[in-house]
Amino acid sequence: MKTIQVRLPERVHKQVKKPAQDEQISLNYYIVTSVANEVTRQATRDFFRGAARRVQPGVVCRSVKRDSGCAGIPERSDKIALMISMAEKSD
């Protein structure tokens, strides 16, 4: 595990200290978990953005092959577009 020092503005420190205390976890654990969740959220968003670019609008996938134009997602492309839209609104 890597150790780093992070300087937080007082306002941010107060904002993360309270939820950590409420959950009865260390501030370090709260921050590590928050960073990990954000990294996962961004990776998921990037995955679906890439999938949306590879899927042809209105095509219903019948194959899960990556080179089939369906990005391996057996769903309608309009559902993928909806997920992308929702992910972008959360940014």
C-alpha atoms as a PDB file:
ATOM      1  CA  MET A   1       0.000   0.000   0.000  1.00  0.00           C
ATOM      2  CA  LYS A   2       1.269   3.467  -0.884  1.00  0.00           C
ATOM      3  CA  THR A   3       1.344   6.252   1.712  1.00  0.00           C
ATOM      4  CA  ILE A   4       0.729   9.812   0.551  1.00  0.00           C
ATOM      5  CA  GLN A   5       0.131  13.129   2.267  1.00  0.00           C
ATOM      6  CA  VAL A   6      -2.890  15.112   1.199  1.00  0.00           C
ATOM      7  CA  ARG A   7      -3.616  18.684   2.188  1.00  0.00           C
ATOM      8  CA  LEU A   8      -7.313  19.347   2.604  1.00  0.00           C
ATOM      9  CA  PRO A   9      -8.852  22.773   2.987  1.00  0.00           C
ATOM     10  CA  GLU A  10     -10.527  23.119   6.390  1.00  0.00           C
ATOM     11  CA  ARG A  11     -13.953  23.221   4.751  1.00  0.00           C
ATOM     12  CA  VAL A  12     -13.366  19.879   2.991  1.00  0.00           C
ATOM     13  CA  HIS A  13     -11.912  18.340   6.153  1.00  0.00           C
ATOM     14  CA  LYS A  14     -15.078  19.243   8.063  1.00  0.00           C
ATOM     15  CA  GLN A  15     -17.220  17.855   5.251  1.00  0.00           C
ATOM     16  CA  VAL A  16     -15.523  14.445   5.324  1.00  0.00           C
ATOM     17  CA  LYS A  17     -14.978  14.240   9.087  1.00  0.00           C
ATOM     18  CA  LYS A  18     -18.688  14.207   9.995  1.00  0.00           C
ATOM     19  CA  PRO A  19     -19.784  11.302   7.752  1.00  0.00           C
ATOM     20  CA  ALA A  20     -16.751   9.263   8.843  1.00  0.00           C
ATOM     21  CA  GLN A  21     -17.681   9.803  12.493  1.00  0.00           C
ATOM     22  CA  ASP A  22     -21.343   9.008  11.763  1.00  0.00           C
ATOM     23  CA  GLU A  23     -20.309   5.718  10.117  1.00  0.00           C
ATOM     24  CA  GLN A  24     -17.828   5.042  12.945  1.00  0.00           C
ATOM     25  CA  ILE A  25     -14.904   4.597  10.568  1.00  0.00           C
ATOM     26  CA  SER A  26     -11.557   6.334  10.381  1.00  0.00           C
ATOM     27  CA  LEU A  27     -11.182   9.451   8.306  1.00  0.00           C
ATOM     28  CA  ASN A  28      -8.464   7.677   6.322  1.00  0.00           C
ATOM     29  CA  TYR A  29     -10.776   4.754   5.487  1.00  0.00           C
ATOM     30  CA  TYR A  30     -13.569   7.146   4.505  1.00  0.00           C
ATOM     31  CA  ILE A  31     -11.297   9.076   2.139  1.00  0.00           C
ATOM     32  CA  VAL A  32      -9.765   5.922   0.618  1.00  0.00           C
ATOM     33  CA  THR A  33     -13.236   4.456   0.023  1.00  0.00           C
ATOM     34  CA  SER A  34     -14.487   7.722  -1.482  1.00  0.00           C
ATOM     35  CA  VAL A  35     -11.550   7.930  -3.885  1.00  0.00           C
ATOM     36  CA  ALA A  36     -11.965   4.268  -4.878  1.00  0.00           C
ATOM     37  CA  ASN A  37     -15.692   4.815  -5.523  1.00  0.00           C
ATOM     38  CA  GLU A  38     -14.971   7.848  -7.702  1.00  0.00           C
ATOM     39  CA  VAL A  39     -12.344   5.968  -9.725  1.00  0.00           C
ATOM     40  CA  THR A  40     -14.826   3.122 -10.273  1.00  0.00           C
ATOM     41  CA  ARG A  41     -17.586   5.572 -11.238  1.00  0.00           C
ATOM     42  CA  GLN A  42     -15.371   7.235 -13.828  1.00  0.00           C
ATOM     43  CA  ALA A  43     -14.220   3.893 -15.257  1.00  0.00           C
ATOM     44  CA  THR A  44     -17.846   2.761 -15.559  1.00  0.00           C
ATOM     45  CA  ARG A  45     -18.820   6.025 -17.259  1.00  0.00           C
ATOM     46  CA  ASP A  46     -15.917   5.701 -19.700  1.00  0.00           C
ATOM     47  CA  PHE A  47     -16.845   2.082 -20.463  1.00  0.00           C
ATOM     48  CA  PHE A  48     -20.433   2.987 -21.334  1.00  0.00           C
ATOM     49  CA  ARG A  49     -19.370   6.008 -23.379  1.00  0.00           C
ATOM     50  CA  GLY A  50     -17.085   3.724 -25.397  1.00  0.00           C
ATOM     51  CA  ALA A  51     -19.830   1.126 -25.757  1.00  0.00           C
ATOM     52  CA  ALA A  52     -22.281   3.758 -26.963  1.00  0.00           C
ATOM     53  CA  ARG A  53     -19.844   4.879 -29.674  1.00  0.00           C
ATOM     54  CA  ARG A  54     -19.510   1.296 -30.941  1.00  0.00           C
ATOM     55  CA  VAL A  55     -23.226   0.472 -31.018  1.00  0.00           C
ATOM     56  CA  GLN A  56     -25.323   1.341 -34.043  1.00  0.00           C
ATOM     57  CA  PRO A  57     -28.472   3.304 -33.081  1.00  0.00           C
ATOM     58  CA  GLY A  58     -31.620   1.183 -33.068  1.00  0.00           C
ATOM     59  CA  VAL A  59     -29.764  -2.116 -33.506  1.00  0.00           C
ATOM     60  CA  VAL A  60     -30.849  -4.991 -31.305  1.00  0.00           C
ATOM     61  CA  CYS A  61     -27.831  -7.131 -30.500  1.00  0.00           C
ATOM     62  CA  ARG A  62     -28.150 -10.849 -31.021  1.00  0.00           C
ATOM     63  CA  SER A  63     -24.479 -11.591 -30.442  1.00  0.00           C
ATOM     64  CA  VAL A  64     -22.122 -10.891 -27.585  1.00  0.00           C
ATOM     65  CA  LYS A  65     -19.031 -10.819 -29.802  1.00  0.00           C
ATOM     66  CA  ARG A  66     -17.046  -7.598 -29.348  1.00  0.00           C
ATOM     67  CA  ASP A  67     -16.586  -7.118 -33.097  1.00  0.00           C
ATOM     68  CA  SER A  68     -20.295  -7.511 -33.851  1.00  0.00           C
ATOM     69  CA  GLY A  69     -21.045  -3.798 -33.498  1.00  0.00           C
ATOM     70  CA  CYS A  70     -22.895  -4.465 -30.277  1.00  0.00           C
ATOM     71  CA  ALA A  71     -19.925  -3.951 -27.927  1.00  0.00           C
ATOM     72  CA  GLY A  72     -20.744  -7.228 -26.221  1.00  0.00           C
ATOM     73  CA  ILE A  73     -23.860  -5.772 -24.651  1.00  0.00           C
ATOM     74  CA  PRO A  74     -27.025  -7.676 -25.539  1.00  0.00           C
ATOM     75  CA  GLU A  75     -29.284  -4.648 -25.090  1.00  0.00           C
ATOM     76  CA  ARG A  76     -30.885  -2.092 -27.353  1.00  0.00           C
ATOM     77  CA  SER A  77     -28.614   0.845 -28.076  1.00  0.00           C
ATOM     78  CA  ASP A  78     -31.220   3.359 -26.899  1.00  0.00           C
ATOM     79  CA  LYS A  79     -30.918   1.873 -23.390  1.00  0.00           C
ATOM     80  CA  ILE A  80     -27.157   2.368 -23.545  1.00  0.00           C
ATOM     81  CA  ALA A  81     -27.657   5.952 -24.688  1.00  0.00           C
ATOM     82  CA  LEU A  82     -29.969   6.496 -21.712  1.00  0.00           C
ATOM     83  CA  MET A  83     -27.320   5.138 -19.323  1.00  0.00           C
ATOM     84  CA  ILE A  84     -24.714   7.450 -20.884  1.00  0.00           C
ATOM     85  CA  SER A  85     -27.032  10.397 -20.513  1.00  0.00           C
ATOM     86  CA  MET A  86     -27.651   9.562 -16.862  1.00  0.00           C
ATOM     87  CA  ALA A  87     -23.905   9.152 -16.209  1.00  0.00           C
ATOM     88  CA  GLU A  88     -23.137  12.503 -17.802  1.00  0.00           C
ATOM     89  CA  LYS A  89     -25.772  14.249 -15.667  1.00  0.00           C
ATOM     90  CA  SER A  90     -24.093  12.907 -12.525  1.00  0.00           C
ATOM     91  CA  ASP A  91     -20.712  14.476 -13.475  1.00  0.00           C
END
